[in-house]
Amino acid sequence: MDTALVGAVMASKTEQLQTAIAARLMKMNAGNEQAFVQLIDAASQNAAKLANAATGLGQNLDIQV
């Protein structure tokens, strides 16, 4: 085989591998972003619940020792 042809085939295989790795990384990052958004959403829902509970919380607290 001609060395130029071998070089072209090797470059093509390398490009395919790099593309596959990039696609996998993009999928992994997309999943992480979605999990991060879900975490923020859950935190905001919990904060809203705590904000509603805080209005009367601790008014009649007896802390005698």
PDB file of N, CA and C in Angstrom:
ATOM      1  N   MET A   1       0.831  -1.184   0.000  1.00  0.00           N
ATOM      2  CA  MET A   1       0.000   0.000   0.000  1.00  0.00           C
ATOM      3  C   MET A   1       0.872   1.242   0.000  1.00  0.00           C
ATOM      4  N   ASP A   2       0.369   2.250  -0.590  1.00  0.00           N
ATOM      5  CA  ASP A   2       1.063   3.537  -0.636  1.00  0.00           C
ATOM      6  C   ASP A   2       1.012   4.183   0.753  1.00  0.00           C
ATOM      7  N   THR A   3       2.100   4.816   1.175  1.00  0.00           N
ATOM      8  CA  THR A   3       2.147   5.415   2.511  1.00  0.00           C
ATOM      9  C   THR A   3       1.154   6.560   2.665  1.00  0.00           C
ATOM     10  N   ALA A   4       0.862   7.260   1.591  1.00  0.00           N
ATOM     11  CA  ALA A   4      -0.122   8.350   1.658  1.00  0.00           C
ATOM     12  C   ALA A   4      -1.511   7.785   1.925  1.00  0.00           C
ATOM     13  N   LEU A   5      -1.811   6.650   1.293  1.00  0.00           N
ATOM     14  CA  LEU A   5      -3.107   6.005   1.497  1.00  0.00           C
ATOM     15  C   LEU A   5      -3.231   5.490   2.927  1.00  0.00           C
ATOM     16  N   VAL A   6      -2.159   4.887   3.431  1.00  0.00           N
ATOM     17  CA  VAL A   6      -2.162   4.397   4.802  1.00  0.00           C
ATOM     18  C   VAL A   6      -2.349   5.566   5.773  1.00  0.00           C
ATOM     19  N   GLY A   7      -1.684   6.668   5.525  1.00  0.00           N
ATOM     20  CA  GLY A   7      -1.826   7.852   6.367  1.00  0.00           C
ATOM     21  C   GLY A   7      -3.241   8.396   6.353  1.00  0.00           C
ATOM     22  N   ALA A   8      -3.868   8.380   5.177  1.00  0.00           N
ATOM     23  CA  ALA A   8      -5.244   8.872   5.049  1.00  0.00           C
ATOM     24  C   ALA A   8      -6.212   7.976   5.809  1.00  0.00           C
ATOM     25  N   VAL A   9      -6.013   6.659   5.704  1.00  0.00           N
ATOM     26  CA  VAL A   9      -6.878   5.725   6.425  1.00  0.00           C
ATOM     27  C   VAL A   9      -6.706   5.894   7.936  1.00  0.00           C
ATOM     28  N   MET A  10      -5.461   6.040   8.387  1.00  0.00           N
ATOM     29  CA  MET A  10      -5.199   6.233   9.824  1.00  0.00           C
ATOM     30  C   MET A  10      -5.838   7.529  10.310  1.00  0.00           C
ATOM     31  N   ALA A  11      -5.742   8.592   9.513  1.00  0.00           N
ATOM     32  CA  ALA A  11      -6.344   9.875   9.900  1.00  0.00           C
ATOM     33  C   ALA A  11      -7.856   9.764   9.974  1.00  0.00           C
ATOM     34  N   SER A  12      -8.420   9.002   9.039  1.00  0.00           N
ATOM     35  CA  SER A  12      -9.865   8.805   9.031  1.00  0.00           C
ATOM     36  C   SER A  12     -10.322   8.045  10.272  1.00  0.00           C
ATOM     37  N   LYS A  13      -9.598   7.004  10.631  1.00  0.00           N
ATOM     38  CA  LYS A  13      -9.937   6.223  11.822  1.00  0.00           C
ATOM     39  C   LYS A  13      -9.812   7.082  13.089  1.00  0.00           C
ATOM     40  N   THR A  14      -8.768   7.909  13.140  1.00  0.00           N
ATOM     41  CA  THR A  14      -8.569   8.791  14.288  1.00  0.00           C
ATOM     42  C   THR A  14      -9.719   9.789  14.400  1.00  0.00           C
ATOM     43  N   GLU A  15     -10.146  10.320  13.264  1.00  0.00           N
ATOM     44  CA  GLU A  15     -11.261  11.272  13.261  1.00  0.00           C
ATOM     45  C   GLU A  15     -12.539  10.604  13.750  1.00  0.00           C
ATOM     46  N   GLN A  16     -12.781   9.372  13.317  1.00  0.00           N
ATOM     47  CA  GLN A  16     -13.974   8.650  13.758  1.00  0.00           C
ATOM     48  C   GLN A  16     -13.953   8.436  15.271  1.00  0.00           C
ATOM     49  N   LEU A  17     -12.811   8.072  15.799  1.00  0.00           N
ATOM     50  CA  LEU A  17     -12.669   7.853  17.230  1.00  0.00           C
ATOM     51  C   LEU A  17     -12.891   9.158  17.993  1.00  0.00           C
ATOM     52  N   GLN A  18     -12.284  10.240  17.508  1.00  0.00           N
ATOM     53  CA  GLN A  18     -12.448  11.527  18.181  1.00  0.00           C
ATOM     54  C   GLN A  18     -13.902  11.988  18.149  1.00  0.00           C
ATOM     55  N   THR A  19     -14.580  11.760  17.043  1.00  0.00           N
ATOM     56  CA  THR A  19     -15.990  12.129  16.925  1.00  0.00           C
ATOM     57  C   THR A  19     -16.845  11.310  17.886  1.00  0.00           C
ATOM     58  N   ALA A  20     -16.557  10.017  17.990  1.00  0.00           N
ATOM     59  CA  ALA A  20     -17.308   9.164  18.908  1.00  0.00           C
ATOM     60  C   ALA A  20     -17.088   9.593  20.355  1.00  0.00           C
ATOM     61  N   ILE A  21     -15.854   9.924  20.705  1.00  0.00           N
ATOM     62  CA  ILE A  21     -15.558  10.369  22.069  1.00  0.00           C
ATOM     63  C   ILE A  21     -16.248  11.702  22.349  1.00  0.00           C
ATOM     64  N   ALA A  22     -16.203  12.617  21.382  1.00  0.00           N
ATOM     65  CA  ALA A  22     -16.859  13.916  21.564  1.00  0.00           C
ATOM     66  C   ALA A  22     -18.365  13.751  21.738  1.00  0.00           C
ATOM     67  N   ALA A  23     -18.976  12.862  20.958  1.00  0.00           N
ATOM     68  CA  ALA A  23     -20.417  12.628  21.083  1.00  0.00           C
ATOM     69  C   ALA A  23     -20.751  12.051  22.452  1.00  0.00           C
ATOM     70  N   ARG A  24     -19.923  11.132  22.926  1.00  0.00           N
ATOM     71  CA  ARG A  24     -20.174  10.542  24.248  1.00  0.00           C
ATOM     72  C   ARG A  24     -20.021  11.586  25.356  1.00  0.00           C
ATOM     73  N   LEU A  25     -19.009  12.436  25.256  1.00  0.00           N
ATOM     74  CA  LEU A  25     -18.824  13.489  26.248  1.00  0.00           C
ATOM     75  C   LEU A  25     -19.992  14.472  26.240  1.00  0.00           C
ATOM     76  N   MET A  26     -20.493  14.788  25.046  1.00  0.00           N
ATOM     77  CA  MET A  26     -21.639  15.697  24.968  1.00  0.00           C
ATOM     78  C   MET A  26     -22.860  15.086  25.639  1.00  0.00           C
ATOM     79  N   LYS A  27     -23.075  13.778  25.438  1.00  0.00           N
ATOM     80  CA  LYS A  27     -24.204  13.116  26.075  1.00  0.00           C
ATOM     81  C   LYS A  27     -24.041  13.102  27.587  1.00  0.00           C
ATOM     82  N   MET A  28     -22.823  12.857  28.051  1.00  0.00           N
ATOM     83  CA  MET A  28     -22.572  12.833  29.497  1.00  0.00           C
ATOM     84  C   MET A  28     -22.795  14.222  30.094  1.00  0.00           C
ATOM     85  N   ASN A  29     -22.311  15.251  29.431  1.00  0.00           N
ATOM     86  CA  ASN A  29     -22.488  16.607  29.933  1.00  0.00           C
ATOM     87  C   ASN A  29     -23.950  17.022  29.908  1.00  0.00           C
ATOM     88  N   ALA A  30     -24.675  16.599  28.882  1.00  0.00           N
ATOM     89  CA  ALA A  30     -26.101  16.917  28.814  1.00  0.00           C
ATOM     90  C   ALA A  30     -26.832  16.273  29.980  1.00  0.00           C
ATOM     91  N   GLY A  31     -26.474  15.054  30.319  1.00  0.00           N
ATOM     92  CA  GLY A  31     -27.089  14.391  31.469  1.00  0.00           C
ATOM     93  C   GLY A  31     -26.756  15.099  32.765  1.00  0.00           C
ATOM     94  N   ASN A  32     -25.529  15.578  32.897  1.00  0.00           N
ATOM     95  CA  ASN A  32     -25.134  16.300  34.098  1.00  0.00           C
ATOM     96  C   ASN A  32     -25.872  17.617  34.212  1.00  0.00           C
ATOM     97  N   GLU A  33     -26.049  18.308  33.105  1.00  0.00           N
ATOM     98  CA  GLU A  33     -26.777  19.572  33.125  1.00  0.00           C
ATOM     99  C   GLU A  33     -28.223  19.344  33.546  1.00  0.00           C
ATOM    100  N   GLN A  34     -28.824  18.280  33.045  1.00  0.00           N
ATOM    101  CA  GLN A  34     -30.204  17.986  33.403  1.00  0.00           C
ATOM    102  C   GLN A  34     -30.307  17.656  34.888  1.00  0.00           C
ATOM    103  N   ALA A  35     -29.369  16.886  35.411  1.00  0.00           N
ATOM    104  CA  ALA A  35     -29.370  16.562  36.835  1.00  0.00           C
ATOM    105  C   ALA A  35     -29.173  17.818  37.673  1.00  0.00           C
ATOM    106  N   PHE A  36     -28.331  18.726  37.206  1.00  0.00           N
ATOM    107  CA  PHE A  36     -28.091  19.978  37.914  1.00  0.00           C
ATOM    108  C   PHE A  36     -29.363  20.822  37.953  1.00  0.00           C
ATOM    109  N   VAL A  37     -30.070  20.883  36.835  1.00  0.00           N
ATOM    110  CA  VAL A  37     -31.329  21.636  36.779  1.00  0.00           C
ATOM    111  C   VAL A  37     -32.353  21.011  37.727  1.00  0.00           C
ATOM    112  N   GLN A  38     -32.422  19.688  37.772  1.00  0.00           N
ATOM    113  CA  GLN A  38     -33.349  19.017  38.688  1.00  0.00           C
ATOM    114  C   GLN A  38     -32.983  19.305  40.139  1.00  0.00           C
ATOM    115  N   LEU A  39     -31.700  19.335  40.435  1.00  0.00           N
ATOM    116  CA  LEU A  39     -31.249  19.633  41.789  1.00  0.00           C
ATOM    117  C   LEU A  39     -31.638  21.050  42.190  1.00  0.00           C
ATOM    118  N   ILE A  40     -31.436  22.007  41.307  1.00  0.00           N
ATOM    119  CA  ILE A  40     -31.816  23.391  41.596  1.00  0.00           C
ATOM    120  C   ILE A  40     -33.327  23.507  41.773  1.00  0.00           C
ATOM    121  N   ASP A  41     -34.074  22.821  40.949  1.00  0.00           N
ATOM    122  CA  ASP A  41     -35.535  22.850  41.053  1.00  0.00           C
ATOM    123  C   ASP A  41     -36.002  22.276  42.384  1.00  0.00           C
ATOM    124  N   ALA A  42     -35.412  21.159  42.791  1.00  0.00           N
ATOM    125  CA  ALA A  42     -35.775  20.557  44.075  1.00  0.00           C
ATOM    126  C   ALA A  42     -35.404  21.477  45.226  1.00  0.00           C
ATOM    127  N   ALA A  43     -34.261  22.128  45.133  1.00  0.00           N
ATOM    128  CA  ALA A  43     -33.843  23.049  46.191  1.00  0.00           C
ATOM    129  C   ALA A  43     -34.792  24.231  46.287  1.00  0.00           C
ATOM    130  N   SER A  44     -35.233  24.749  45.160  1.00  0.00           N
ATOM    131  CA  SER A  44     -36.155  25.891  45.194  1.00  0.00           C
ATOM    132  C   SER A  44     -37.518  25.482  45.742  1.00  0.00           C
ATOM    133  N   GLN A  45     -37.954  24.258  45.443  1.00  0.00           N
ATOM    134  CA  GLN A  45     -39.218  23.768  45.995  1.00  0.00           C
ATOM    135  C   GLN A  45     -39.115  23.609  47.514  1.00  0.00           C
ATOM    136  N   ASN A  46     -37.983  23.091  47.989  1.00  0.00           N
ATOM    137  CA  ASN A  46     -37.784  22.943  49.431  1.00  0.00           C
ATOM    138  C   ASN A  46     -37.702  24.303  50.106  1.00  0.00           C
ATOM    139  N   ALA A  47     -37.056  25.257  49.474  1.00  0.00           N
ATOM    140  CA  ALA A  47     -36.956  26.600  50.037  1.00  0.00           C
ATOM    141  C   ALA A  47     -38.333  27.241  50.136  1.00  0.00           C
ATOM    142  N   ALA A  48     -39.163  27.007  49.131  1.00  0.00           N
ATOM    143  CA  ALA A  48     -40.519  27.555  49.169  1.00  0.00           C
ATOM    144  C   ALA A  48     -41.324  26.946  50.322  1.00  0.00           C
ATOM    145  N   LYS A  49     -41.157  25.653  50.557  1.00  0.00           N
ATOM    146  CA  LYS A  49     -41.851  25.003  51.668  1.00  0.00           C
ATOM    147  C   LYS A  49     -41.370  25.563  53.005  1.00  0.00           C
ATOM    148  N   LEU A  50     -40.056  25.755  53.134  1.00  0.00           N
ATOM    149  CA  LEU A  50     -39.510  26.307  54.369  1.00  0.00           C
ATOM    150  C   LEU A  50     -39.948  27.756  54.569  1.00  0.00           C
ATOM    151  N   ALA A  51     -40.041  28.516  53.506  1.00  0.00           N
ATOM    152  CA  ALA A  51     -40.477  29.906  53.614  1.00  0.00           C
ATOM    153  C   ALA A  51     -41.920  29.972  54.104  1.00  0.00           C
ATOM    154  N   ASN A  52     -42.761  29.069  53.641  1.00  0.00           N
ATOM    155  CA  ASN A  52     -44.151  29.040  54.088  1.00  0.00           C
ATOM    156  C   ASN A  52     -44.247  28.591  55.537  1.00  0.00           C
ATOM    157  N   ALA A  53     -43.397  27.678  55.952  1.00  0.00           N
ATOM    158  CA  ALA A  53     -43.440  27.170  57.323  1.00  0.00           C
ATOM    159  C   ALA A  53     -42.831  28.165  58.303  1.00  0.00           C
ATOM    160  N   ALA A  54     -41.943  29.018  57.865  1.00  0.00           N
ATOM    161  CA  ALA A  54     -41.184  29.894  58.761  1.00  0.00           C
ATOM    162  C   ALA A  54     -42.029  30.996  59.380  1.00  0.00           C
ATOM    163  N   THR A  55     -43.194  31.300  58.858  1.00  0.00           N
ATOM    164  CA  THR A  55     -43.982  32.408  59.391  1.00  0.00           C
ATOM    165  C   THR A  55     -44.383  32.190  60.836  1.00  0.00           C
ATOM    166  N   GLY A  56     -44.751  30.970  61.216  1.00  0.00           N
ATOM    167  CA  GLY A  56     -45.179  30.728  62.590  1.00  0.00           C
ATOM    168  C   GLY A  56     -44.236  29.817  63.350  1.00  0.00           C
ATOM    169  N   LEU A  57     -43.129  29.500  62.762  1.00  0.00           N
ATOM    170  CA  LEU A  57     -42.213  28.533  63.350  1.00  0.00           C
ATOM    171  C   LEU A  57     -41.428  29.133  64.505  1.00  0.00           C
ATOM    172  N   GLY A  58     -41.440  28.464  65.656  1.00  0.00           N
ATOM    173  CA  GLY A  58     -40.624  28.861  66.794  1.00  0.00           C
ATOM    174  C   GLY A  58     -41.207  29.937  67.674  1.00  0.00           C
ATOM    175  N   GLN A  59     -42.439  30.338  67.475  1.00  0.00           N
ATOM    176  CA  GLN A  59     -43.030  31.385  68.296  1.00  0.00           C
ATOM    177  C   GLN A  59     -43.293  30.909  69.720  1.00  0.00           C
ATOM    178  N   ASN A  60     -43.653  29.674  69.904  1.00  0.00           N
ATOM    179  CA  ASN A  60     -43.975  29.154  71.220  1.00  0.00           C
ATOM    180  C   ASN A  60     -42.933  28.123  71.659  1.00  0.00           C
ATOM    181  N   LEU A  61     -41.692  28.388  71.391  1.00  0.00           N
ATOM    182  CA  LEU A  61     -40.618  27.457  71.699  1.00  0.00           C
ATOM    183  C   LEU A  61     -40.131  27.665  73.122  1.00  0.00           C
ATOM    184  N   ASP A  62     -40.107  26.609  73.913  1.00  0.00           N
ATOM    185  CA  ASP A  62     -39.651  26.670  75.300  1.00  0.00           C
ATOM    186  C   ASP A  62     -38.293  25.990  75.350  1.00  0.00           C
ATOM    187  N   ILE A  63     -37.238  26.746  75.646  1.00  0.00           N
ATOM    188  CA  ILE A  63     -35.888  26.185  75.657  1.00  0.00           C
ATOM    189  C   ILE A  63     -35.270  26.228  77.055  1.00  0.00           C
ATOM    190  N   GLN A  64     -36.063  25.923  78.057  1.00  0.00           N
ATOM    191  CA  GLN A  64     -35.526  25.870  79.429  1.00  0.00           C
ATOM    192  C   GLN A  64     -34.660  24.645  79.584  1.00  0.00           C
ATOM    193  N   VAL A  65     -33.570  24.821  80.342  1.00  0.00           N
ATOM    194  CA  VAL A  65     -32.655  23.711  80.554  1.00  0.00           C
ATOM    195  C   VAL A  65     -32.765  23.222  81.970  1.00  0.00           C
TER     196      VAL A  65
END
